Amino acid sequence: MKLPAEDGKLRYTDCVNTKNAFRLIQSIPSKKAEPFKQWLAQLAQDRIEEIENPELAQIRVKEYYELKGYPKEWIEKRLRGIAIRQEFTDVWKDRGVTEDSNLAILTNEITKATFGKTVQEYKEFKGLNKKNQNLRDHMQDWEIIFTMVGEKATTDIARSRDAQGFEENQGAAKRGGQIASNARKELE
């Protein structure tokens, strides 16, 4: 790739993605690389164990959030929110909304109706400017709860109305977000 050099000009530079960086480490015939190789082997073993017993993955996620300093009560809400999100995206996929871009649009509809901001606007409001920063990991308890309410309401509306395709599910998303918005406004 061409990357900016110290002189400000773009220069061809050797680059590697994460997967290939790990492969490169595996191929280094040095004793100094051995700790990294052992670490990679441990990661692989952990993931295989999680495939055999998915509960281990949930325990690992809890531990990661605890290491980041999140309180246990928040972690429980966040994990419940993940489960609700997976349920409603599965419902959308079963109803013909399969493209990631459409799933993102529908998620934006819920967020905009619930909080008055799109996901990107909410990230900016929270001061999140890195691409890999998850908005939900930076939400307070009530924000997580209202997000869950919007997503659960959307799921139930889509099911009860047998919403099919993008447009019908978009209506369900707006209505689900409005229910969460009403609850948020009542609390405020």
N, C-alpha and C. Protein backbone atom coordinates (compact mmCIF):
# COMPACT_ATOMS: atom_id res chain seq x y z
N MET A 1 0.84 -1.18 0.00
CA MET A 1 0.00 0.00 0.00
C MET A 1 0.88 1.24 0.00
N LYS A 2 0.32 2.32 -0.49
CA LYS A 2 1.02 3.61 -0.39
C LYS A 2 0.59 4.27 0.91
N LEU A 3 1.59 4.57 1.74
CA LEU A 3 1.36 5.25 3.01
C LEU A 3 2.26 6.47 3.10
N PRO A 4 1.83 7.50 3.88
CA PRO A 4 2.66 8.70 3.99
C PRO A 4 3.98 8.39 4.70
N ALA A 5 5.07 8.83 4.11
CA ALA A 5 6.40 8.66 4.71
C ALA A 5 6.75 9.90 5.52
N GLU A 6 7.92 9.88 6.17
CA GLU A 6 8.34 11.01 7.00
C GLU A 6 8.47 12.30 6.19
N ASP A 7 8.78 12.16 4.90
CA ASP A 7 8.91 13.35 4.06
C ASP A 7 7.57 13.85 3.52
N GLY A 8 6.46 13.17 3.93
CA GLY A 8 5.14 13.58 3.52
C GLY A 8 4.66 12.97 2.21
N LYS A 9 5.55 12.30 1.50
CA LYS A 9 5.18 11.67 0.23
C LYS A 9 4.62 10.28 0.49
N LEU A 10 3.80 9.83 -0.45
CA LEU A 10 3.27 8.48 -0.35
C LEU A 10 4.29 7.49 -0.88
N ARG A 11 4.60 6.48 -0.09
CA ARG A 11 5.58 5.47 -0.47
C ARG A 11 4.94 4.08 -0.33
N TYR A 12 5.32 3.20 -1.25
CA TYR A 12 4.84 1.82 -1.13
C TYR A 12 5.40 1.21 0.15
N THR A 13 4.52 0.58 0.92
CA THR A 13 4.88 0.01 2.21
C THR A 13 4.30 -1.39 2.31
N ASP A 14 5.08 -2.33 2.84
CA ASP A 14 4.57 -3.67 3.08
C ASP A 14 3.56 -3.61 4.22
N CYS A 15 2.39 -4.21 4.01
CA CYS A 15 1.34 -4.21 5.01
C CYS A 15 0.79 -5.62 5.16
N VAL A 16 0.16 -5.87 6.29
CA VAL A 16 -0.43 -7.18 6.53
C VAL A 16 -1.66 -6.99 7.42
N ASN A 17 -2.68 -7.80 7.18
CA ASN A 17 -3.86 -7.73 8.05
C ASN A 17 -3.62 -8.59 9.29
N THR A 18 -4.54 -8.56 10.24
CA THR A 18 -4.36 -9.26 11.51
C THR A 18 -4.17 -10.76 11.31
N LYS A 19 -5.01 -11.36 10.49
CA LYS A 19 -4.92 -12.80 10.25
C LYS A 19 -3.54 -13.17 9.71
N ASN A 20 -3.08 -12.42 8.73
CA ASN A 20 -1.78 -12.73 8.13
C ASN A 20 -0.62 -12.38 9.06
N ALA A 21 -0.81 -11.42 9.95
CA ALA A 21 0.23 -11.13 10.96
C ALA A 21 0.42 -12.34 11.86
N PHE A 22 -0.69 -12.97 12.24
CA PHE A 22 -0.61 -14.18 13.06
C PHE A 22 0.07 -15.32 12.31
N ARG A 23 -0.24 -15.44 11.03
CA ARG A 23 0.41 -16.47 10.21
C ARG A 23 1.90 -16.20 10.11
N LEU A 24 2.26 -14.93 9.99
CA LEU A 24 3.67 -14.56 9.91
C LEU A 24 4.39 -14.95 11.20
N ILE A 25 3.78 -14.64 12.33
CA ILE A 25 4.37 -15.01 13.63
C ILE A 25 4.58 -16.52 13.71
N GLN A 26 3.59 -17.29 13.24
CA GLN A 26 3.70 -18.75 13.28
C GLN A 26 4.89 -19.25 12.45
N SER A 27 5.25 -18.53 11.43
CA SER A 27 6.30 -19.00 10.53
C SER A 27 7.71 -18.59 10.95
N ILE A 28 7.83 -17.77 11.99
CA ILE A 28 9.15 -17.29 12.42
C ILE A 28 9.89 -18.41 13.16
N PRO A 29 11.05 -18.82 12.65
CA PRO A 29 11.80 -19.91 13.29
C PRO A 29 12.75 -19.41 14.38
N SER A 30 12.19 -18.74 15.37
CA SER A 30 13.01 -18.17 16.43
C SER A 30 12.40 -18.52 17.79
N LYS A 31 13.28 -18.75 18.76
CA LYS A 31 12.81 -19.04 20.11
C LYS A 31 12.10 -17.82 20.71
N LYS A 32 12.46 -16.63 20.26
CA LYS A 32 11.83 -15.42 20.76
C LYS A 32 10.36 -15.33 20.34
N ALA A 33 10.01 -15.99 19.24
CA ALA A 33 8.62 -15.98 18.77
C ALA A 33 7.77 -17.02 19.49
N GLU A 34 8.41 -17.92 20.21
CA GLU A 34 7.69 -19.04 20.85
C GLU A 34 6.57 -18.58 21.80
N PRO A 35 6.77 -17.56 22.65
CA PRO A 35 5.66 -17.13 23.51
C PRO A 35 4.42 -16.69 22.71
N PHE A 36 4.64 -16.02 21.58
CA PHE A 36 3.51 -15.61 20.74
C PHE A 36 2.82 -16.82 20.13
N LYS A 37 3.62 -17.78 19.70
CA LYS A 37 3.05 -19.01 19.13
C LYS A 37 2.23 -19.75 20.18
N GLN A 38 2.71 -19.80 21.41
CA GLN A 38 1.96 -20.46 22.48
C GLN A 38 0.66 -19.71 22.77
N TRP A 39 0.73 -18.39 22.74
CA TRP A 39 -0.46 -17.57 22.97
C TRP A 39 -1.50 -17.82 21.88
N LEU A 40 -1.06 -17.88 20.63
CA LEU A 40 -1.98 -18.16 19.52
C LEU A 40 -2.59 -19.55 19.65
N ALA A 41 -1.79 -20.51 20.03
CA ALA A 41 -2.30 -21.87 20.22
C ALA A 41 -3.34 -21.90 21.33
N GLN A 42 -3.11 -21.14 22.40
CA GLN A 42 -4.07 -21.08 23.50
C GLN A 42 -5.38 -20.45 23.05
N LEU A 43 -5.28 -19.38 22.26
CA LEU A 43 -6.49 -18.74 21.72
C LEU A 43 -7.29 -19.71 20.88
N ALA A 44 -6.60 -20.46 20.03
CA ALA A 44 -7.28 -21.43 19.18
C ALA A 44 -7.96 -22.49 20.02
N GLN A 45 -7.27 -22.97 21.04
CA GLN A 45 -7.87 -23.98 21.92
C GLN A 45 -9.11 -23.42 22.63
N ASP A 46 -9.01 -22.19 23.12
CA ASP A 46 -10.15 -21.56 23.80
C ASP A 46 -11.36 -21.47 22.88
N ARG A 47 -11.15 -21.05 21.62
CA ARG A 47 -12.27 -20.91 20.68
C ARG A 47 -12.89 -22.26 20.35
N ILE A 48 -12.08 -23.29 20.22
CA ILE A 48 -12.62 -24.64 19.95
C ILE A 48 -13.46 -25.10 21.13
N GLU A 49 -12.99 -24.84 22.35
CA GLU A 49 -13.77 -25.20 23.54
C GLU A 49 -15.09 -24.44 23.58
N GLU A 50 -15.08 -23.17 23.14
CA GLU A 50 -16.30 -22.36 23.12
C GLU A 50 -17.29 -22.87 22.07
N ILE A 51 -16.78 -23.42 20.98
CA ILE A 51 -17.67 -24.01 19.97
C ILE A 51 -18.36 -25.23 20.57
N GLU A 52 -17.62 -26.00 21.33
CA GLU A 52 -18.18 -27.20 21.97
C GLU A 52 -19.12 -26.84 23.11
N ASN A 53 -18.83 -25.73 23.82
CA ASN A 53 -19.64 -25.30 24.95
C ASN A 53 -19.79 -23.77 24.89
N PRO A 54 -20.82 -23.27 24.19
CA PRO A 54 -20.98 -21.83 24.01
C PRO A 54 -21.08 -21.02 25.30
N GLU A 55 -21.45 -21.65 26.39
CA GLU A 55 -21.52 -20.93 27.66
C GLU A 55 -20.15 -20.36 28.04
N LEU A 56 -19.09 -21.05 27.64
CA LEU A 56 -17.74 -20.56 27.91
C LEU A 56 -17.49 -19.21 27.24
N ALA A 57 -18.05 -19.03 26.05
CA ALA A 57 -17.89 -17.75 25.35
C ALA A 57 -18.55 -16.62 26.13
N GLN A 58 -19.72 -16.90 26.68
CA GLN A 58 -20.42 -15.87 27.46
C GLN A 58 -19.62 -15.53 28.72
N ILE A 59 -19.05 -16.54 29.35
CA ILE A 59 -18.22 -16.29 30.53
C ILE A 59 -17.02 -15.43 30.15
N ARG A 60 -16.41 -15.72 29.01
CA ARG A 60 -15.26 -14.95 28.54
C ARG A 60 -15.65 -13.49 28.30
N VAL A 61 -16.82 -13.27 27.68
CA VAL A 61 -17.27 -11.91 27.43
C VAL A 61 -17.45 -11.16 28.75
N LYS A 62 -18.07 -11.81 29.73
CA LYS A 62 -18.23 -11.18 31.04
C LYS A 62 -16.88 -10.79 31.63
N GLU A 63 -15.92 -11.70 31.52
CA GLU A 63 -14.58 -11.42 32.06
C GLU A 63 -13.94 -10.23 31.35
N TYR A 64 -14.12 -10.13 30.02
CA TYR A 64 -13.55 -9.00 29.28
C TYR A 64 -14.17 -7.68 29.75
N TYR A 65 -15.49 -7.67 29.91
CA TYR A 65 -16.14 -6.45 30.38
C TYR A 65 -15.67 -6.10 31.80
N GLU A 66 -15.51 -7.12 32.64
CA GLU A 66 -15.02 -6.86 34.00
C GLU A 66 -13.61 -6.28 33.96
N LEU A 67 -12.75 -6.81 33.08
CA LEU A 67 -11.39 -6.29 32.94
C LEU A 67 -11.39 -4.83 32.48
N LYS A 68 -12.40 -4.46 31.70
CA LYS A 68 -12.52 -3.07 31.24
C LYS A 68 -13.09 -2.16 32.32
N GLY A 69 -13.51 -2.76 33.45
CA GLY A 69 -13.99 -1.97 34.58
C GLY A 69 -15.48 -1.76 34.66
N TYR A 70 -16.26 -2.45 33.85
CA TYR A 70 -17.70 -2.30 33.90
C TYR A 70 -18.27 -3.02 35.14
N PRO A 71 -19.29 -2.44 35.78
CA PRO A 71 -19.91 -3.12 36.93
C PRO A 71 -20.73 -4.33 36.49
N LYS A 72 -20.86 -5.30 37.38
CA LYS A 72 -21.55 -6.55 37.04
C LYS A 72 -23.00 -6.31 36.60
N GLU A 73 -23.68 -5.37 37.23
CA GLU A 73 -25.08 -5.09 36.87
C GLU A 73 -25.16 -4.59 35.43
N TRP A 74 -24.23 -3.72 35.06
CA TRP A 74 -24.19 -3.21 33.68
C TRP A 74 -23.92 -4.35 32.71
N ILE A 75 -22.98 -5.22 33.06
CA ILE A 75 -22.62 -6.34 32.19
C ILE A 75 -23.83 -7.23 31.92
N GLU A 76 -24.61 -7.49 32.96
CA GLU A 76 -25.81 -8.33 32.79
C GLU A 76 -26.79 -7.69 31.81
N LYS A 77 -26.99 -6.39 31.94
CA LYS A 77 -27.88 -5.68 31.01
C LYS A 77 -27.32 -5.73 29.59
N ARG A 78 -26.03 -5.51 29.48
CA ARG A 78 -25.40 -5.51 28.14
C ARG A 78 -25.53 -6.87 27.47
N LEU A 79 -25.31 -7.94 28.22
CA LEU A 79 -25.43 -9.28 27.64
C LEU A 79 -26.87 -9.59 27.27
N ARG A 80 -27.81 -9.13 28.07
CA ARG A 80 -29.23 -9.31 27.74
C ARG A 80 -29.56 -8.51 26.48
N GLY A 81 -29.00 -7.32 26.37
CA GLY A 81 -29.21 -6.50 25.18
C GLY A 81 -28.66 -7.18 23.92
N ILE A 82 -27.54 -7.87 24.05
CA ILE A 82 -26.97 -8.60 22.91
C ILE A 82 -27.93 -9.70 22.47
N ALA A 83 -28.50 -10.41 23.44
CA ALA A 83 -29.44 -11.49 23.12
C ALA A 83 -30.68 -10.95 22.42
N ILE A 84 -31.20 -9.83 22.90
CA ILE A 84 -32.39 -9.22 22.27
C ILE A 84 -32.05 -8.76 20.87
N ARG A 85 -30.88 -8.17 20.68
CA ARG A 85 -30.48 -7.72 19.33
C ARG A 85 -30.37 -8.91 18.38
N GLN A 86 -29.80 -10.00 18.83
CA GLN A 86 -29.68 -11.18 17.98
C GLN A 86 -31.06 -11.72 17.61
N GLU A 87 -31.97 -11.69 18.58
CA GLU A 87 -33.33 -12.16 18.29
C GLU A 87 -34.00 -11.31 17.22
N PHE A 88 -33.89 -9.98 17.35
CA PHE A 88 -34.60 -9.15 16.37
C PHE A 88 -33.93 -9.14 15.01
N THR A 89 -32.60 -9.26 14.94
CA THR A 89 -31.99 -9.37 13.61
C THR A 89 -32.35 -10.70 12.96
N ASP A 90 -32.49 -11.75 13.75
CA ASP A 90 -32.94 -13.04 13.21
C ASP A 90 -34.36 -12.94 12.67
N VAL A 91 -35.22 -12.22 13.39
CA VAL A 91 -36.60 -12.02 12.93
C VAL A 91 -36.59 -11.27 11.61
N TRP A 92 -35.78 -10.22 11.49
CA TRP A 92 -35.71 -9.48 10.23
C TRP A 92 -35.23 -10.36 9.09
N LYS A 93 -34.22 -11.16 9.36
CA LYS A 93 -33.69 -12.04 8.31
C LYS A 93 -34.75 -13.05 7.86
N ASP A 94 -35.52 -13.56 8.83
CA ASP A 94 -36.61 -14.49 8.50
C ASP A 94 -37.70 -13.81 7.68
N ARG A 95 -37.76 -12.49 7.74
CA ARG A 95 -38.81 -11.73 7.06
C ARG A 95 -38.28 -11.01 5.82
N GLY A 96 -37.14 -11.45 5.33
CA GLY A 96 -36.65 -10.97 4.05
C GLY A 96 -35.69 -9.80 4.09
N VAL A 97 -35.28 -9.35 5.28
CA VAL A 97 -34.31 -8.26 5.38
C VAL A 97 -32.96 -8.91 5.69
N THR A 98 -32.19 -9.14 4.64
CA THR A 98 -30.96 -9.92 4.81
C THR A 98 -29.69 -9.13 4.56
N GLU A 99 -29.77 -8.03 3.85
CA GLU A 99 -28.57 -7.24 3.55
C GLU A 99 -28.14 -6.45 4.77
N ASP A 100 -26.83 -6.48 5.05
CA ASP A 100 -26.30 -5.76 6.20
C ASP A 100 -26.65 -4.28 6.16
N SER A 101 -26.63 -3.69 4.98
CA SER A 101 -26.93 -2.26 4.88
C SER A 101 -28.39 -1.98 5.30
N ASN A 102 -29.30 -2.88 4.94
CA ASN A 102 -30.70 -2.69 5.35
C ASN A 102 -30.87 -2.91 6.85
N LEU A 103 -30.13 -3.87 7.41
CA LEU A 103 -30.18 -4.08 8.86
C LEU A 103 -29.68 -2.81 9.58
N ALA A 104 -28.64 -2.20 9.03
CA ALA A 104 -28.11 -0.96 9.63
C ALA A 104 -29.13 0.17 9.54
N ILE A 105 -29.83 0.27 8.41
CA ILE A 105 -30.85 1.31 8.25
C ILE A 105 -31.96 1.12 9.27
N LEU A 106 -32.41 -0.12 9.45
CA LEU A 106 -33.48 -0.38 10.41
C LEU A 106 -33.03 -0.11 11.84
N THR A 107 -31.79 -0.46 12.15
CA THR A 107 -31.25 -0.16 13.48
C THR A 107 -31.21 1.36 13.68
N ASN A 108 -30.85 2.10 12.65
CA ASN A 108 -30.85 3.56 12.71
C ASN A 108 -32.25 4.09 12.98
N GLU A 109 -33.25 3.47 12.36
CA GLU A 109 -34.64 3.92 12.58
C GLU A 109 -35.03 3.79 14.05
N ILE A 110 -34.66 2.67 14.66
CA ILE A 110 -34.98 2.46 16.08
C ILE A 110 -34.24 3.49 16.94
N THR A 111 -32.96 3.66 16.68
CA THR A 111 -32.14 4.58 17.48
C THR A 111 -32.62 6.01 17.33
N LYS A 112 -32.95 6.38 16.09
CA LYS A 112 -33.42 7.75 15.84
C LYS A 112 -34.75 8.00 16.54
N ALA A 113 -35.65 7.02 16.47
CA ALA A 113 -36.94 7.19 17.14
C ALA A 113 -36.78 7.20 18.66
N THR A 114 -35.90 6.36 19.18
CA THR A 114 -35.73 6.25 20.64
C THR A 114 -35.03 7.47 21.23
N PHE A 115 -33.93 7.89 20.59
CA PHE A 115 -33.09 8.93 21.18
C PHE A 115 -33.05 10.23 20.39
N GLY A 116 -33.69 10.26 19.22
CA GLY A 116 -33.67 11.47 18.41
C GLY A 116 -32.37 11.67 17.66
N LYS A 117 -31.55 10.62 17.57
CA LYS A 117 -30.27 10.69 16.88
C LYS A 117 -30.03 9.39 16.11
N THR A 118 -29.37 9.50 14.96
CA THR A 118 -28.95 8.28 14.27
C THR A 118 -27.81 7.65 15.08
N VAL A 119 -27.44 6.44 14.74
CA VAL A 119 -26.33 5.78 15.44
C VAL A 119 -25.07 6.63 15.34
N GLN A 120 -24.76 7.15 14.15
CA GLN A 120 -23.56 7.96 13.97
C GLN A 120 -23.63 9.25 14.78
N GLU A 121 -24.78 9.90 14.78
CA GLU A 121 -24.94 11.12 15.57
C GLU A 121 -24.79 10.82 17.06
N TYR A 122 -25.31 9.69 17.49
CA TYR A 122 -25.20 9.30 18.90
C TYR A 122 -23.74 9.01 19.26
N LYS A 123 -23.01 8.36 18.34
CA LYS A 123 -21.59 8.11 18.58
C LYS A 123 -20.84 9.43 18.72
N GLU A 124 -21.14 10.38 17.86
CA GLU A 124 -20.50 11.70 17.94
C GLU A 124 -20.86 12.39 19.25
N PHE A 125 -22.12 12.29 19.66
CA PHE A 125 -22.59 12.86 20.91
C PHE A 125 -21.81 12.28 22.10
N LYS A 126 -21.49 10.99 22.01
CA LYS A 126 -20.76 10.29 23.07
C LYS A 126 -19.25 10.49 22.96
N GLY A 127 -18.80 11.15 21.87
CA GLY A 127 -17.37 11.37 21.67
C GLY A 127 -16.63 10.14 21.18
N LEU A 128 -17.33 9.26 20.49
CA LEU A 128 -16.71 8.05 19.96
C LEU A 128 -16.32 8.31 18.52
N ASN A 129 -15.03 8.34 18.25
CA ASN A 129 -14.60 8.65 16.90
C ASN A 129 -13.81 7.52 16.25
N LYS A 130 -13.53 6.46 16.98
CA LYS A 130 -12.86 5.31 16.38
C LYS A 130 -13.91 4.40 15.76
N LYS A 131 -13.58 3.85 14.61
CA LYS A 131 -14.53 3.02 13.87
C LYS A 131 -14.97 1.78 14.66
N ASN A 132 -14.06 1.21 15.45
CA ASN A 132 -14.37 -0.04 16.13
C ASN A 132 -14.98 0.17 17.52
N GLN A 133 -15.28 1.40 17.89
CA GLN A 133 -15.91 1.64 19.19
C GLN A 133 -17.40 1.35 19.10
N ASN A 134 -17.86 0.45 19.95
CA ASN A 134 -19.26 0.05 19.96
C ASN A 134 -20.05 1.03 20.82
N LEU A 135 -21.05 1.65 20.22
CA LEU A 135 -21.87 2.63 20.94
C LEU A 135 -22.47 2.03 22.21
N ARG A 136 -22.96 0.81 22.12
CA ARG A 136 -23.63 0.19 23.26
C ARG A 136 -22.69 -0.02 24.44
N ASP A 137 -21.41 -0.20 24.17
CA ASP A 137 -20.44 -0.36 25.25
C ASP A 137 -20.19 0.94 25.98
N HIS A 138 -20.72 2.04 25.44
CA HIS A 138 -20.53 3.35 26.07
C HIS A 138 -21.87 3.94 26.55
N MET A 139 -22.86 3.10 26.64
CA MET A 139 -24.17 3.55 27.11
C MET A 139 -24.29 3.33 28.62
N GLN A 140 -25.07 4.19 29.23
CA GLN A 140 -25.41 4.03 30.64
C GLN A 140 -26.56 3.03 30.75
N ASP A 141 -26.88 2.64 31.99
CA ASP A 141 -27.92 1.62 32.21
C ASP A 141 -29.23 1.92 31.48
N TRP A 142 -29.76 3.14 31.68
CA TRP A 142 -31.05 3.45 31.07
C TRP A 142 -30.98 3.47 29.55
N GLU A 143 -29.87 3.90 29.02
CA GLU A 143 -29.72 3.90 27.56
C GLU A 143 -29.78 2.46 27.02
N ILE A 144 -29.11 1.56 27.72
CA ILE A 144 -29.16 0.15 27.31
C ILE A 144 -30.58 -0.38 27.42
N ILE A 145 -31.24 -0.03 28.50
CA ILE A 145 -32.61 -0.52 28.72
C ILE A 145 -33.55 0.01 27.64
N PHE A 146 -33.46 1.30 27.31
CA PHE A 146 -34.33 1.86 26.27
C PHE A 146 -34.00 1.27 24.90
N THR A 147 -32.74 0.99 24.66
CA THR A 147 -32.35 0.33 23.41
C THR A 147 -33.00 -1.05 23.34
N MET A 148 -32.96 -1.79 24.46
CA MET A 148 -33.59 -3.11 24.50
C MET A 148 -35.09 -3.01 24.29
N VAL A 149 -35.72 -2.01 24.92
CA VAL A 149 -37.17 -1.83 24.76
C VAL A 149 -37.50 -1.60 23.29
N GLY A 150 -36.76 -0.71 22.64
CA GLY A 150 -37.00 -0.44 21.22
C GLY A 150 -36.82 -1.67 20.36
N GLU A 151 -35.79 -2.44 20.62
CA GLU A 151 -35.52 -3.63 19.81
C GLU A 151 -36.52 -4.75 20.09
N LYS A 152 -36.87 -4.93 21.34
CA LYS A 152 -37.85 -5.97 21.69
C LYS A 152 -39.23 -5.59 21.16
N ALA A 153 -39.61 -4.32 21.28
CA ALA A 153 -40.90 -3.87 20.75
C ALA A 153 -40.93 -4.06 19.24
N THR A 154 -39.85 -3.72 18.57
CA THR A 154 -39.76 -3.90 17.11
C THR A 154 -39.94 -5.37 16.74
N THR A 155 -39.27 -6.26 17.46
CA THR A 155 -39.38 -7.70 17.21
C THR A 155 -40.83 -8.16 17.34
N ASP A 156 -41.47 -7.75 18.43
CA ASP A 156 -42.85 -8.19 18.68
C ASP A 156 -43.82 -7.60 17.65
N ILE A 157 -43.61 -6.34 17.26
CA ILE A 157 -44.46 -5.71 16.25
C ILE A 157 -44.29 -6.42 14.91
N ALA A 158 -43.05 -6.68 14.52
CA ALA A 158 -42.79 -7.37 13.25
C ALA A 158 -43.47 -8.74 13.22
N ARG A 159 -43.40 -9.44 14.34
CA ARG A 159 -44.04 -10.76 14.41
C ARG A 159 -45.56 -10.66 14.38
N SER A 160 -46.11 -9.76 15.20
CA SER A 160 -47.57 -9.68 15.30
C SER A 160 -48.21 -9.20 14.00
N ARG A 161 -47.52 -8.33 13.28
CA ARG A 161 -48.04 -7.81 12.02
C ARG A 161 -47.56 -8.63 10.82
N ASP A 162 -46.76 -9.66 11.11
CA ASP A 162 -46.18 -10.50 10.06
C ASP A 162 -45.52 -9.62 8.99
N ALA A 163 -44.74 -8.65 9.45
CA ALA A 163 -44.06 -7.72 8.54
C ALA A 163 -43.11 -8.49 7.63
N GLN A 164 -43.22 -8.22 6.34
CA GLN A 164 -42.36 -8.88 5.35
C GLN A 164 -41.63 -7.81 4.55
N GLY A 165 -40.35 -8.06 4.28
CA GLY A 165 -39.58 -7.14 3.46
C GLY A 165 -39.13 -5.92 4.22
N PHE A 166 -38.33 -5.13 3.53
CA PHE A 166 -37.70 -3.97 4.15
C PHE A 166 -38.70 -2.92 4.60
N GLU A 167 -39.62 -2.51 3.73
CA GLU A 167 -40.51 -1.39 4.05
C GLU A 167 -41.43 -1.69 5.23
N GLU A 168 -42.00 -2.89 5.28
CA GLU A 168 -42.87 -3.23 6.41
C GLU A 168 -42.08 -3.30 7.71
N ASN A 169 -40.88 -3.83 7.64
CA ASN A 169 -40.04 -3.90 8.84
C ASN A 169 -39.52 -2.53 9.25
N GLN A 170 -39.39 -1.62 8.27
CA GLN A 170 -39.00 -0.26 8.60
C GLN A 170 -40.11 0.40 9.43
N GLY A 171 -41.34 0.15 9.07
CA GLY A 171 -42.47 0.67 9.85
C GLY A 171 -42.46 0.10 11.27
N ALA A 172 -42.17 -1.19 11.39
CA ALA A 172 -42.09 -1.82 12.71
C ALA A 172 -40.96 -1.21 13.53
N ALA A 173 -39.83 -0.93 12.88
CA ALA A 173 -38.68 -0.34 13.57
C ALA A 173 -39.02 1.06 14.09
N LYS A 174 -39.69 1.86 13.27
CA LYS A 174 -40.07 3.21 13.70
C LYS A 174 -41.03 3.13 14.88
N ARG A 175 -41.98 2.21 14.80
CA ARG A 175 -42.98 2.07 15.89
C ARG A 175 -42.31 1.56 17.17
N GLY A 176 -41.42 0.57 17.03
CA GLY A 176 -40.71 0.06 18.20
C GLY A 176 -39.85 1.13 18.86
N GLY A 177 -39.18 1.92 18.04
CA GLY A 177 -38.38 3.02 18.57
C GLY A 177 -39.23 4.08 19.25
N GLN A 178 -40.42 4.32 18.70
CA GLN A 178 -41.32 5.30 19.30
C GLN A 178 -41.80 4.84 20.68
N ILE A 179 -42.04 3.55 20.82
CA ILE A 179 -42.44 3.01 22.13
C ILE A 179 -41.33 3.26 23.15
N ALA A 180 -40.07 2.99 22.75
CA ALA A 180 -38.93 3.23 23.64
C ALA A 180 -38.79 4.72 23.93
N SER A 181 -39.02 5.56 22.94
CA SER A 181 -38.94 7.00 23.12
C SER A 181 -39.97 7.47 24.14
N ASN A 182 -41.19 6.96 24.03
CA ASN A 182 -42.24 7.33 24.97
C ASN A 182 -41.85 6.94 26.39
N ALA A 183 -41.27 5.75 26.55
CA ALA A 183 -40.84 5.30 27.88
C ALA A 183 -39.71 6.20 28.41
N ARG A 184 -38.78 6.55 27.53
CA ARG A 184 -37.67 7.42 27.92
C ARG A 184 -38.19 8.77 28.35
N LYS A 185 -39.12 9.34 27.60
CA LYS A 185 -39.68 10.65 27.93
C LYS A 185 -40.46 10.61 29.24
N GLU A 186 -41.15 9.52 29.50
CA GLU A 186 -41.87 9.37 30.77
C GLU A 186 -40.90 9.38 31.95
N LEU A 187 -39.78 8.69 31.78
CA LEU A 187 -38.78 8.64 32.84
C LEU A 187 -38.16 10.02 33.05
N GLU A 188 -37.84 10.70 31.95
CA GLU A 188 -37.23 12.03 32.06
C GLU A 188 -38.17 13.00 32.74
